[in-house]
Amino acid sequence: MPRFLSMIRIDENNTPEGGPSPELMQRMGELIEEMTKAGVLLDTAGLVPTAQGARVHYEGGRLSVTDGPFTESKEVIGGYALLQAKDRAEAIEWTKRFLKVHEPHWTVTCEVREVVAG
């Protein structure tokens, strides 16, 4: 079965103060448990803010490292889920369910892409 990476995109400057509510975390935990039991969820995690990250860039044979935060970025990857689904449509359906556990004041986008086998 193909694998898909669902990259959770957020605007770090516009996330709700205090982060996820306990209710959101409970709903997310329930969905993660359901996805794990269904054999769809292979791995998932949130990521620390870009202020604690670094970018490594390669161009013209030279490497450079830039420490975060990355103020020029409107959206950043805030987390990910690695899914194993029968097809792209199923991966998208699971991703929609993930987004629906969030309260209306959240703005979250997930980019779903198939992992190249090999």
PDB file of N, CA and C in Angstrom:
ATOM      1  N   MET A   1       0.843  -1.189   0.000  1.00  0.00           N
ATOM      2  CA  MET A   1       0.000   0.000   0.000  1.00  0.00           C
ATOM      3  C   MET A   1       0.882   1.244   0.000  1.00  0.00           C
ATOM      4  N   PRO A   2       0.460   2.254  -0.724  1.00  0.00           N
ATOM      5  CA  PRO A   2       1.259   3.484  -0.770  1.00  0.00           C
ATOM      6  C   PRO A   2       1.248   4.226   0.561  1.00  0.00           C
ATOM      7  N   ARG A   3       2.304   4.994   0.761  1.00  0.00           N
ATOM      8  CA  ARG A   3       2.405   5.848   1.945  1.00  0.00           C
ATOM      9  C   ARG A   3       2.260   7.301   1.517  1.00  0.00           C
ATOM     10  N   PHE A   4       1.710   8.108   2.418  1.00  0.00           N
ATOM     11  CA  PHE A   4       1.478   9.524   2.151  1.00  0.00           C
ATOM     12  C   PHE A   4       1.965  10.335   3.337  1.00  0.00           C
ATOM     13  N   LEU A   5       2.570  11.472   3.055  1.00  0.00           N
ATOM     14  CA  LEU A   5       2.996  12.391   4.099  1.00  0.00           C
ATOM     15  C   LEU A   5       2.014  13.552   4.117  1.00  0.00           C
ATOM     16  N   SER A   6       1.364  13.735   5.247  1.00  0.00           N
ATOM     17  CA  SER A   6       0.470  14.870   5.441  1.00  0.00           C
ATOM     18  C   SER A   6       1.242  15.894   6.266  1.00  0.00           C
ATOM     19  N   MET A   7       1.645  16.989   5.607  1.00  0.00           N
ATOM     20  CA  MET A   7       2.411  18.027   6.280  1.00  0.00           C
ATOM     21  C   MET A   7       1.452  19.092   6.786  1.00  0.00           C
ATOM     22  N   ILE A   8       1.494  19.339   8.068  1.00  0.00           N
ATOM     23  CA  ILE A   8       0.577  20.261   8.717  1.00  0.00           C
ATOM     24  C   ILE A   8       1.205  21.653   8.670  1.00  0.00           C
ATOM     25  N   ARG A   9       0.566  22.539   7.914  1.00  0.00           N
ATOM     26  CA  ARG A   9       1.087  23.897   7.731  1.00  0.00           C
ATOM     27  C   ARG A   9       0.312  24.870   8.625  1.00  0.00           C
ATOM     28  N   ILE A  10       1.065  25.691   9.330  1.00  0.00           N
ATOM     29  CA  ILE A  10       0.467  26.692  10.212  1.00  0.00           C
ATOM     30  C   ILE A  10       1.179  28.026  10.020  1.00  0.00           C
ATOM     31  N   ASP A  11       0.528  29.088  10.437  1.00  0.00           N
ATOM     32  CA  ASP A  11       1.152  30.402  10.515  1.00  0.00           C
ATOM     33  C   ASP A  11       1.521  30.585  11.983  1.00  0.00           C
ATOM     34  N   GLU A  12       2.804  30.510  12.293  1.00  0.00           N
ATOM     35  CA  GLU A  12       3.248  30.593  13.689  1.00  0.00           C
ATOM     36  C   GLU A  12       2.823  31.884  14.363  1.00  0.00           C
ATOM     37  N   ASN A  13       2.625  32.937  13.588  1.00  0.00           N
ATOM     38  CA  ASN A  13       2.252  34.225  14.162  1.00  0.00           C
ATOM     39  C   ASN A  13       0.768  34.319  14.481  1.00  0.00           C
ATOM     40  N   ASN A  14      -0.029  33.366  14.010  1.00  0.00           N
ATOM     41  CA  ASN A  14      -1.474  33.423  14.215  1.00  0.00           C
ATOM     42  C   ASN A  14      -2.047  32.153  14.824  1.00  0.00           C
ATOM     43  N   THR A  15      -1.248  31.435  15.591  1.00  0.00           N
ATOM     44  CA  THR A  15      -1.794  30.268  16.277  1.00  0.00           C
ATOM     45  C   THR A  15      -2.478  30.734  17.561  1.00  0.00           C
ATOM     46  N   PRO A  16      -3.535  30.038  17.978  1.00  0.00           N
ATOM     47  CA  PRO A  16      -4.244  30.448  19.194  1.00  0.00           C
ATOM     48  C   PRO A  16      -3.311  30.491  20.408  1.00  0.00           C
ATOM     49  N   GLU A  17      -3.467  31.537  21.201  1.00  0.00           N
ATOM     50  CA  GLU A  17      -2.644  31.689  22.400  1.00  0.00           C
ATOM     51  C   GLU A  17      -2.888  30.513  23.337  1.00  0.00           C
ATOM     52  N   GLY A  18      -1.832  29.974  23.877  1.00  0.00           N
ATOM     53  CA  GLY A  18      -1.945  28.837  24.776  1.00  0.00           C
ATOM     54  C   GLY A  18      -1.925  27.503  24.063  1.00  0.00           C
ATOM     55  N   GLY A  19      -1.926  27.539  22.726  1.00  0.00           N
ATOM     56  CA  GLY A  19      -1.850  26.297  21.959  1.00  0.00           C
ATOM     57  C   GLY A  19      -3.154  25.527  21.963  1.00  0.00           C
ATOM     58  N   PRO A  20      -3.070  24.238  21.682  1.00  0.00           N
ATOM     59  CA  PRO A  20      -4.277  23.407  21.612  1.00  0.00           C
ATOM     60  C   PRO A  20      -4.970  23.293  22.967  1.00  0.00           C
ATOM     61  N   SER A  21      -6.285  23.319  22.940  1.00  0.00           N
ATOM     62  CA  SER A  21      -7.070  23.164  24.161  1.00  0.00           C
ATOM     63  C   SER A  21      -7.032  21.706  24.617  1.00  0.00           C
ATOM     64  N   PRO A  22      -7.318  21.437  25.893  1.00  0.00           N
ATOM     65  CA  PRO A  22      -7.389  20.048  26.354  1.00  0.00           C
ATOM     66  C   PRO A  22      -8.420  19.235  25.568  1.00  0.00           C
ATOM     67  N   GLU A  23      -9.526  19.878  25.183  1.00  0.00           N
ATOM     68  CA  GLU A  23     -10.556  19.181  24.412  1.00  0.00           C
ATOM     69  C   GLU A  23     -10.039  18.787  23.032  1.00  0.00           C
ATOM     70  N   LEU A  24      -9.291  19.709  22.389  1.00  0.00           N
ATOM     71  CA  LEU A  24      -8.697  19.399  21.090  1.00  0.00           C
ATOM     72  C   LEU A  24      -7.714  18.244  21.229  1.00  0.00           C
ATOM     73  N   MET A  25      -6.890  18.289  22.246  1.00  0.00           N
ATOM     74  CA  MET A  25      -5.909  17.226  22.453  1.00  0.00           C
ATOM     75  C   MET A  25      -6.599  15.885  22.687  1.00  0.00           C
ATOM     76  N   GLN A  26      -7.720  15.888  23.384  1.00  0.00           N
ATOM     77  CA  GLN A  26      -8.459  14.642  23.608  1.00  0.00           C
ATOM     78  C   GLN A  26      -9.016  14.098  22.287  1.00  0.00           C
ATOM     79  N   ARG A  27      -9.652  14.984  21.498  1.00  0.00           N
ATOM     80  CA  ARG A  27     -10.200  14.551  20.204  1.00  0.00           C
ATOM     81  C   ARG A  27      -9.091  14.051  19.281  1.00  0.00           C
ATOM     82  N   MET A  28      -7.959  14.749  19.292  1.00  0.00           N
ATOM     83  CA  MET A  28      -6.839  14.343  18.460  1.00  0.00           C
ATOM     84  C   MET A  28      -6.309  12.979  18.909  1.00  0.00           C
ATOM     85  N   GLY A  29      -6.205  12.786  20.212  1.00  0.00           N
ATOM     86  CA  GLY A  29      -5.747  11.500  20.740  1.00  0.00           C
ATOM     87  C   GLY A  29      -6.669  10.361  20.341  1.00  0.00           C
ATOM     88  N   GLU A  30      -7.977  10.606  20.376  1.00  0.00           N
ATOM     89  CA  GLU A  30      -8.949   9.588  19.983  1.00  0.00           C
ATOM     90  C   GLU A  30      -8.808   9.250  18.500  1.00  0.00           C
ATOM     91  N   LEU A  31      -8.626  10.267  17.662  1.00  0.00           N
ATOM     92  CA  LEU A  31      -8.463  10.030  16.228  1.00  0.00           C
ATOM     93  C   LEU A  31      -7.154   9.291  15.951  1.00  0.00           C
ATOM     94  N   ILE A  32      -6.093   9.689  16.615  1.00  0.00           N
ATOM     95  CA  ILE A  32      -4.802   9.019  16.440  1.00  0.00           C
ATOM     96  C   ILE A  32      -4.917   7.549  16.827  1.00  0.00           C
ATOM     97  N   GLU A  33      -5.623   7.261  17.911  1.00  0.00           N
ATOM     98  CA  GLU A  33      -5.822   5.870  18.329  1.00  0.00           C
ATOM     99  C   GLU A  33      -6.610   5.095  17.268  1.00  0.00           C
ATOM    100  N   GLU A  34      -7.667   5.706  16.735  1.00  0.00           N
ATOM    101  CA  GLU A  34      -8.466   5.059  15.691  1.00  0.00           C
ATOM    102  C   GLU A  34      -7.630   4.789  14.444  1.00  0.00           C
ATOM    103  N   MET A  35      -6.832   5.768  14.038  1.00  0.00           N
ATOM    104  CA  MET A  35      -5.999   5.617  12.845  1.00  0.00           C
ATOM    105  C   MET A  35      -4.920   4.549  13.049  1.00  0.00           C
ATOM    106  N   THR A  36      -4.376   4.482  14.248  1.00  0.00           N
ATOM    107  CA  THR A  36      -3.357   3.481  14.554  1.00  0.00           C
ATOM    108  C   THR A  36      -3.964   2.082  14.509  1.00  0.00           C
ATOM    109  N   LYS A  37      -5.134   1.919  15.123  1.00  0.00           N
ATOM    110  CA  LYS A  37      -5.809   0.610  15.115  1.00  0.00           C
ATOM    111  C   LYS A  37      -6.201   0.191  13.707  1.00  0.00           C
ATOM    112  N   ALA A  38      -6.534   1.155  12.847  1.00  0.00           N
ATOM    113  CA  ALA A  38      -6.906   0.864  11.462  1.00  0.00           C
ATOM    114  C   ALA A  38      -5.682   0.550  10.597  1.00  0.00           C
ATOM    115  N   GLY A  39      -4.477   0.743  11.148  1.00  0.00           N
ATOM    116  CA  GLY A  39      -3.258   0.474  10.402  1.00  0.00           C
ATOM    117  C   GLY A  39      -2.901   1.563   9.403  1.00  0.00           C
ATOM    118  N   VAL A  40      -3.525   2.732   9.533  1.00  0.00           N
ATOM    119  CA  VAL A  40      -3.306   3.833   8.598  1.00  0.00           C
ATOM    120  C   VAL A  40      -2.172   4.732   9.064  1.00  0.00           C
ATOM    121  N   LEU A  41      -2.097   4.993  10.349  1.00  0.00           N
ATOM    122  CA  LEU A  41      -1.113   5.928  10.883  1.00  0.00           C
ATOM    123  C   LEU A  41       0.184   5.205  11.215  1.00  0.00           C
ATOM    124  N   LEU A  42       1.255   5.572  10.516  1.00  0.00           N
ATOM    125  CA  LEU A  42       2.563   4.975  10.766  1.00  0.00           C
ATOM    126  C   LEU A  42       3.373   5.796  11.756  1.00  0.00           C
ATOM    127  N   ASP A  43       3.219   7.130  11.698  1.00  0.00           N
ATOM    128  CA  ASP A  43       3.954   8.014  12.602  1.00  0.00           C
ATOM    129  C   ASP A  43       3.318   9.396  12.541  1.00  0.00           C
ATOM    130  N   THR A  44       3.399  10.128  13.627  1.00  0.00           N
ATOM    131  CA  THR A  44       2.925  11.509  13.658  1.00  0.00           C
ATOM    132  C   THR A  44       3.639  12.254  14.774  1.00  0.00           C
ATOM    133  N   ALA A  45       3.804  13.558  14.584  1.00  0.00           N
ATOM    134  CA  ALA A  45       4.418  14.383  15.621  1.00  0.00           C
ATOM    135  C   ALA A  45       4.239  15.852  15.270  1.00  0.00           C
ATOM    136  N   GLY A  46       4.254  16.665  16.303  1.00  0.00           N
ATOM    137  CA  GLY A  46       4.325  18.104  16.118  1.00  0.00           C
ATOM    138  C   GLY A  46       5.785  18.516  16.112  1.00  0.00           C
ATOM    139  N   LEU A  47       6.052  19.711  15.629  1.00  0.00           N
ATOM    140  CA  LEU A  47       7.417  20.210  15.568  1.00  0.00           C
ATOM    141  C   LEU A  47       7.564  21.445  16.453  1.00  0.00           C
ATOM    142  N   VAL A  48       8.761  21.638  16.992  1.00  0.00           N
ATOM    143  CA  VAL A  48       9.028  22.825  17.805  1.00  0.00           C
ATOM    144  C   VAL A  48       8.962  24.057  16.903  1.00  0.00           C
ATOM    145  N   PRO A  49       8.764  25.246  17.473  1.00  0.00           N
ATOM    146  CA  PRO A  49       8.706  26.475  16.667  1.00  0.00           C
ATOM    147  C   PRO A  49       9.988  26.692  15.859  1.00  0.00           C
ATOM    148  N   THR A  50       9.860  27.424  14.757  1.00  0.00           N
ATOM    149  CA  THR A  50      11.021  27.680  13.896  1.00  0.00           C
ATOM    150  C   THR A  50      12.132  28.430  14.625  1.00  0.00           C
ATOM    151  N   ALA A  51      11.804  29.132  15.701  1.00  0.00           N
ATOM    152  CA  ALA A  51      12.829  29.831  16.473  1.00  0.00           C
ATOM    153  C   ALA A  51      13.870  28.856  17.022  1.00  0.00           C
ATOM    154  N   GLN A  52      13.486  27.601  17.160  1.00  0.00           N
ATOM    155  CA  GLN A  52      14.402  26.586  17.674  1.00  0.00           C
ATOM    156  C   GLN A  52      14.989  25.724  16.556  1.00  0.00           C
ATOM    157  N   GLY A  53      14.730  26.097  15.308  1.00  0.00           N
ATOM    158  CA  GLY A  53      15.192  25.311  14.171  1.00  0.00           C
ATOM    159  C   GLY A  53      16.318  25.983  13.417  1.00  0.00           C
ATOM    160  N   ALA A  54      16.728  25.335  12.349  1.00  0.00           N
ATOM    161  CA  ALA A  54      17.768  25.864  11.464  1.00  0.00           C
ATOM    162  C   ALA A  54      17.459  25.404  10.046  1.00  0.00           C
ATOM    163  N   ARG A  55      17.899  26.199   9.089  1.00  0.00           N
ATOM    164  CA  ARG A  55      17.798  25.827   7.677  1.00  0.00           C
ATOM    165  C   ARG A  55      19.205  25.636   7.148  1.00  0.00           C
ATOM    166  N   VAL A  56      19.400  24.534   6.456  1.00  0.00           N
ATOM    167  CA  VAL A  56      20.680  24.254   5.825  1.00  0.00           C
ATOM    168  C   VAL A  56      20.438  24.362   4.324  1.00  0.00           C
ATOM    169  N   HIS A  57      21.185  25.246   3.662  1.00  0.00           N
ATOM    170  CA  HIS A  57      20.978  25.548   2.246  1.00  0.00           C
ATOM    171  C   HIS A  57      22.232  25.182   1.460  1.00  0.00           C
ATOM    172  N   TYR A  58      22.024  24.592   0.292  1.00  0.00           N
ATOM    173  CA  TYR A  58      23.126  24.228  -0.593  1.00  0.00           C
ATOM    174  C   TYR A  58      22.906  24.895  -1.936  1.00  0.00           C
ATOM    175  N   GLU A  59      23.892  25.667  -2.383  1.00  0.00           N
ATOM    176  CA  GLU A  59      23.803  26.333  -3.681  1.00  0.00           C
ATOM    177  C   GLU A  59      25.208  26.612  -4.194  1.00  0.00           C
ATOM    178  N   GLY A  60      25.412  26.307  -5.460  1.00  0.00           N
ATOM    179  CA  GLY A  60      26.708  26.591  -6.079  1.00  0.00           C
ATOM    180  C   GLY A  60      27.874  25.905  -5.388  1.00  0.00           C
ATOM    181  N   GLY A  61      27.631  24.733  -4.811  1.00  0.00           N
ATOM    182  CA  GLY A  61      28.701  23.992  -4.142  1.00  0.00           C
ATOM    183  C   GLY A  61      29.007  24.475  -2.742  1.00  0.00           C
ATOM    184  N   ARG A  62      28.206  25.435  -2.229  1.00  0.00           N
ATOM    185  CA  ARG A  62      28.459  25.982  -0.888  1.00  0.00           C
ATOM    186  C   ARG A  62      27.270  25.710   0.022  1.00  0.00           C
ATOM    187  N   LEU A  63      27.564  25.466   1.287  1.00  0.00           N
ATOM    188  CA  LEU A  63      26.547  25.254   2.316  1.00  0.00           C
ATOM    189  C   LEU A  63      26.432  26.481   3.196  1.00  0.00           C
ATOM    190  N   SER A  64      25.205  26.781   3.613  1.00  0.00           N
ATOM    191  CA  SER A  64      25.011  27.839   4.610  1.00  0.00           C
ATOM    192  C   SER A  64      23.955  27.370   5.590  1.00  0.00           C
ATOM    193  N   VAL A  65      24.058  27.853   6.804  1.00  0.00           N
ATOM    194  CA  VAL A  65      23.108  27.506   7.859  1.00  0.00           C
ATOM    195  C   VAL A  65      22.518  28.788   8.404  1.00  0.00           C
ATOM    196  N   THR A  66      21.195  28.834   8.470  1.00  0.00           N
ATOM    197  CA  THR A  66      20.490  29.983   9.022  1.00  0.00           C
ATOM    198  C   THR A  66      19.670  29.514  10.208  1.00  0.00           C
ATOM    199  N   ASP A  67      19.888  30.134  11.358  1.00  0.00           N
ATOM    200  CA  ASP A  67      19.099  29.809  12.543  1.00  0.00           C
ATOM    201  C   ASP A  67      17.742  30.481  12.465  1.00  0.00           C
ATOM    202  N   GLY A  68      16.726  29.830  13.048  1.00  0.00           N
ATOM    203  CA  GLY A  68      15.381  30.399  13.104  1.00  0.00           C
ATOM    204  C   GLY A  68      15.326  31.519  14.115  1.00  0.00           C
ATOM    205  N   PRO A  69      14.251  32.253  14.180  1.00  0.00           N
ATOM    206  CA  PRO A  69      13.008  32.017  13.439  1.00  0.00           C
ATOM    207  C   PRO A  69      13.121  32.516  11.998  1.00  0.00           C
ATOM    208  N   PHE A  70      12.224  32.028  11.165  1.00  0.00           N
ATOM    209  CA  PHE A  70      12.233  32.370   9.753  1.00  0.00           C
ATOM    210  C   PHE A  70      11.090  33.336   9.495  1.00  0.00           C
ATOM    211  N   THR A  71      11.351  34.605   9.748  1.00  0.00           N
ATOM    212  CA  THR A  71      10.305  35.635   9.705  1.00  0.00           C
ATOM    213  C   THR A  71       9.725  35.832   8.318  1.00  0.00           C
ATOM    214  N   GLU A  72      10.465  35.482   7.266  1.00  0.00           N
ATOM    215  CA  GLU A  72       9.951  35.658   5.916  1.00  0.00           C
ATOM    216  C   GLU A  72       8.935  34.588   5.541  1.00  0.00           C
ATOM    217  N   SER A  73       8.789  33.564   6.371  1.00  0.00           N
ATOM    218  CA  SER A  73       7.865  32.473   6.085  1.00  0.00           C
ATOM    219  C   SER A  73       6.493  32.768   6.665  1.00  0.00           C
ATOM    220  N   LYS A  74       5.481  32.760   5.806  1.00  0.00           N
ATOM    221  CA  LYS A  74       4.130  32.934   6.291  1.00  0.00           C
ATOM    222  C   LYS A  74       3.622  31.619   6.881  1.00  0.00           C
ATOM    223  N   GLU A  75       3.799  30.528   6.152  1.00  0.00           N
ATOM    224  CA  GLU A  75       3.389  29.220   6.634  1.00  0.00           C
ATOM    225  C   GLU A  75       4.623  28.359   6.856  1.00  0.00           C
ATOM    226  N   VAL A  76       4.596  27.574   7.919  1.00  0.00           N
ATOM    227  CA  VAL A  76       5.681  26.645   8.212  1.00  0.00           C
ATOM    228  C   VAL A  76       5.079  25.286   8.524  1.00  0.00           C
ATOM    229  N   ILE A  77       5.895  24.256   8.455  1.00  0.00           N
ATOM    230  CA  ILE A  77       5.450  22.926   8.815  1.00  0.00           C
ATOM    231  C   ILE A  77       5.415  22.854  10.338  1.00  0.00           C
ATOM    232  N   GLY A  78       4.223  22.638  10.889  1.00  0.00           N
ATOM    233  CA  GLY A  78       4.057  22.564  12.341  1.00  0.00           C
ATOM    234  C   GLY A  78       4.006  21.140  12.859  1.00  0.00           C
ATOM    235  N   GLY A  79       3.882  20.188  11.946  1.00  0.00           N
ATOM    236  CA  GLY A  79       3.812  18.785  12.315  1.00  0.00           C
ATOM    237  C   GLY A  79       3.605  17.949  11.074  1.00  0.00           C
ATOM    238  N   TYR A  80       3.477  16.649  11.274  1.00  0.00           N
ATOM    239  CA  TYR A  80       3.300  15.754  10.134  1.00  0.00           C
ATOM    240  C   TYR A  80       2.590  14.490  10.579  1.00  0.00           C
ATOM    241  N   ALA A  81       2.048  13.776   9.605  1.00  0.00           N
ATOM    242  CA  ALA A  81       1.524  12.438   9.827  1.00  0.00           C
ATOM    243  C   ALA A  81       1.948  11.600   8.629  1.00  0.00           C
ATOM    244  N   LEU A  82       2.512  10.448   8.894  1.00  0.00           N
ATOM    245  CA  LEU A  82       2.869   9.506   7.845  1.00  0.00           C
ATOM    246  C   LEU A  82       1.777   8.451   7.810  1.00  0.00           C
ATOM    247  N   LEU A  83       1.056   8.397   6.681  1.00  0.00           N
ATOM    248  CA  LEU A  83      -0.093   7.516   6.535  1.00  0.00           C
ATOM    249  C   LEU A  83       0.192   6.414   5.530  1.00  0.00           C
ATOM    250  N   GLN A  84      -0.435   5.273   5.746  1.00  0.00           N
ATOM    251  CA  GLN A  84      -0.424   4.198   4.764  1.00  0.00           C
ATOM    252  C   GLN A  84      -1.876   3.964   4.388  1.00  0.00           C
ATOM    253  N   ALA A  85      -2.213   4.268   3.157  1.00  0.00           N
ATOM    254  CA  ALA A  85      -3.602   4.205   2.721  1.00  0.00           C
ATOM    255  C   ALA A  85      -3.686   3.490   1.383  1.00  0.00           C
ATOM    256  N   LYS A  86      -4.896   3.039   1.040  1.00  0.00           N
ATOM    257  CA  LYS A  86      -5.047   2.312  -0.232  1.00  0.00           C
ATOM    258  C   LYS A  86      -4.829   3.226  -1.435  1.00  0.00           C
ATOM    259  N   ASP A  87      -5.126   4.537  -1.259  1.00  0.00           N
ATOM    260  CA  ASP A  87      -4.937   5.485  -2.352  1.00  0.00           C
ATOM    261  C   ASP A  87      -4.954   6.920  -1.804  1.00  0.00           C
ATOM    262  N   ARG A  88      -4.725   7.866  -2.693  1.00  0.00           N
ATOM    263  CA  ARG A  88      -4.685   9.285  -2.324  1.00  0.00           C
ATOM    264  C   ARG A  88      -6.003   9.744  -1.715  1.00  0.00           C
ATOM    265  N   ALA A  89      -7.114   9.282  -2.254  1.00  0.00           N
ATOM    266  CA  ALA A  89      -8.424   9.689  -1.751  1.00  0.00           C
ATOM    267  C   ALA A  89      -8.605   9.290  -0.288  1.00  0.00           C
ATOM    268  N   GLU A  90      -8.165   8.094   0.074  1.00  0.00           N
ATOM    269  CA  GLU A  90      -8.279   7.664   1.475  1.00  0.00           C
ATOM    270  C   GLU A  90      -7.377   8.510   2.374  1.00  0.00           C
ATOM    271  N   ALA A  91      -6.169   8.807   1.914  1.00  0.00           N
ATOM    272  CA  ALA A  91      -5.253   9.648   2.704  1.00  0.00           C
ATOM    273  C   ALA A  91      -5.867  11.032   2.928  1.00  0.00           C
ATOM    274  N   ILE A  92      -6.515  11.563   1.909  1.00  0.00           N
ATOM    275  CA  ILE A  92      -7.158  12.869   2.039  1.00  0.00           C
ATOM    276  C   ILE A  92      -8.326  12.803   3.013  1.00  0.00           C
ATOM    277  N   GLU A  93      -9.097  11.737   2.988  1.00  0.00           N
ATOM    278  CA  GLU A  93     -10.231  11.598   3.922  1.00  0.00           C
ATOM    279  C   GLU A  93      -9.749  11.579   5.370  1.00  0.00           C
ATOM    280  N   TRP A  94      -8.688  10.836   5.648  1.00  0.00           N
ATOM    281  CA  TRP A  94      -8.139  10.818   7.009  1.00  0.00           C
ATOM    282  C   TRP A  94      -7.622  12.208   7.397  1.00  0.00           C
ATOM    283  N   THR A  95      -7.003  12.909   6.455  1.00  0.00           N
ATOM    284  CA  THR A  95      -6.493  14.254   6.721  1.00  0.00           C
ATOM    285  C   THR A  95      -7.642  15.213   7.016  1.00  0.00           C
ATOM    286  N   LYS A  96      -8.742  15.094   6.289  1.00  0.00           N
ATOM    287  CA  LYS A  96      -9.925  15.920   6.566  1.00  0.00           C
ATOM    288  C   LYS A  96     -10.433  15.670   7.986  1.00  0.00           C
ATOM    289  N   ARG A  97     -10.451  14.419   8.387  1.00  0.00           N
ATOM    290  CA  ARG A  97     -10.901  14.099   9.754  1.00  0.00           C
ATOM    291  C   ARG A  97      -9.979  14.736  10.791  1.00  0.00           C
ATOM    292  N   PHE A  98      -8.676  14.730  10.506  1.00  0.00           N
ATOM    293  CA  PHE A  98      -7.723  15.376  11.409  1.00  0.00           C
ATOM    294  C   PHE A  98      -8.033  16.868  11.518  1.00  0.00           C
ATOM    295  N   LEU A  99      -8.258  17.527  10.390  1.00  0.00           N
ATOM    296  CA  LEU A  99      -8.535  18.964  10.420  1.00  0.00           C
ATOM    297  C   LEU A  99      -9.836  19.274  11.155  1.00  0.00           C
ATOM    298  N   LYS A 100     -10.828  18.409  11.027  1.00  0.00           N
ATOM    299  CA  LYS A 100     -12.131  18.655  11.646  1.00  0.00           C
ATOM    300  C   LYS A 100     -12.121  18.551  13.165  1.00  0.00           C
ATOM    301  N   VAL A 101     -11.083  17.973  13.780  1.00  0.00           N
ATOM    302  CA  VAL A 101     -11.037  17.923  15.245  1.00  0.00           C
ATOM    303  C   VAL A 101     -10.669  19.280  15.836  1.00  0.00           C
ATOM    304  N   HIS A 102     -10.164  20.193  15.005  1.00  0.00           N
ATOM    305  CA  HIS A 102      -9.779  21.532  15.463  1.00  0.00           C
ATOM    306  C   HIS A 102     -11.005  22.427  15.648  1.00  0.00           C
ATOM    307  N   GLU A 103     -10.895  23.340  16.601  1.00  0.00           N
ATOM    308  CA  GLU A 103     -11.946  24.331  16.804  1.00  0.00           C
ATOM    309  C   GLU A 103     -11.945  25.324  15.646  1.00  0.00           C
ATOM    310  N   PRO A 104     -13.073  26.035  15.433  1.00  0.00           N
ATOM    311  CA  PRO A 104     -13.183  26.966  14.306  1.00  0.00           C
ATOM    312  C   PRO A 104     -12.160  28.107  14.309  1.00  0.00           C
ATOM    313  N   HIS A 105     -11.596  28.464  15.472  1.00  0.00           N
ATOM    314  CA  HIS A 105     -10.639  29.572  15.498  1.00  0.00           C
ATOM    315  C   HIS A 105      -9.236  29.172  15.005  1.00  0.00           C
ATOM    316  N   TRP A 106      -9.024  27.903  14.699  1.00  0.00           N
ATOM    317  CA  TRP A 106      -7.747  27.455  14.143  1.00  0.00           C
ATOM    318  C   TRP A 106      -7.742  27.638  12.631  1.00  0.00           C
ATOM    319  N   THR A 107      -6.586  27.980  12.082  1.00  0.00           N
ATOM    320  CA  THR A 107      -6.378  27.969  10.639  1.00  0.00           C
ATOM    321  C   THR A 107      -5.230  27.006  10.377  1.00  0.00           C
ATOM    322  N   VAL A 108      -5.546  25.886   9.764  1.00  0.00           N
ATOM    323  CA  VAL A 108      -4.560  24.830   9.524  1.00  0.00           C
ATOM    324  C   VAL A 108      -4.737  24.321   8.095  1.00  0.00           C
ATOM    325  N   THR A 109      -3.641  24.098   7.411  1.00  0.00           N
ATOM    326  CA  THR A 109      -3.662  23.510   6.080  1.00  0.00           C
ATOM    327  C   THR A 109      -2.772  22.281   6.098  1.00  0.00           C
ATOM    328  N   CYS A 110      -3.229  21.214   5.489  1.00  0.00           N
ATOM    329  CA  CYS A 110      -2.396  20.020   5.351  1.00  0.00           C
ATOM    330  C   CYS A 110      -2.108  19.786   3.875  1.00  0.00           C
ATOM    331  N   GLU A 111      -0.870  19.561   3.576  1.00  0.00           N
ATOM    332  CA  GLU A 111      -0.454  19.192   2.224  1.00  0.00           C
ATOM    333  C   GLU A 111      -0.213  17.690   2.225  1.00  0.00           C
ATOM    334  N   VAL A 112      -0.944  16.959   1.380  1.00  0.00           N
ATOM    335  CA  VAL A 112      -0.847  15.501   1.331  1.00  0.00           C
ATOM    336  C   VAL A 112      -0.087  15.121   0.062  1.00  0.00           C
ATOM    337  N   ARG A 113       1.013  14.378   0.264  1.00  0.00           N
ATOM    338  CA  ARG A 113       1.817  13.963  -0.885  1.00  0.00           C
ATOM    339  C   ARG A 113       2.245  12.511  -0.721  1.00  0.00           C
ATOM    340  N   GLU A 114       2.203  11.782  -1.813  1.00  0.00           N
ATOM    341  CA  GLU A 114       2.612  10.377  -1.788  1.00  0.00           C
ATOM    342  C   GLU A 114       4.124  10.283  -1.640  1.00  0.00           C
ATOM    343  N   VAL A 115       4.559   9.334  -0.841  1.00  0.00           N
ATOM    344  CA  VAL A 115       5.978   9.072  -0.646  1.00  0.00           C
ATOM    345  C   VAL A 115       6.438   8.177  -1.799  1.00  0.00           C
ATOM    346  N   VAL A 116       7.522   8.542  -2.451  1.00  0.00           N
ATOM    347  CA  VAL A 116       8.042   7.750  -3.558  1.00  0.00           C
ATOM    348  C   VAL A 116       8.578   6.431  -3.022  1.00  0.00           C
ATOM    349  N   ALA A 117       8.066   5.346  -3.550  1.00  0.00           N
ATOM    350  CA  ALA A 117       8.511   4.015  -3.105  1.00  0.00           C
ATOM    351  C   ALA A 117       9.903   3.736  -3.660  1.00  0.00           C
ATOM    352  N   GLY A 118      10.659   3.018  -2.868  1.00  0.00           N
ATOM    353  CA  GLY A 118      11.975   2.666  -3.394  1.00  0.00           C
ATOM    354  C   GLY A 118      12.952   2.483  -2.377  1.00  0.00           C
TER     355      GLY A 118
END
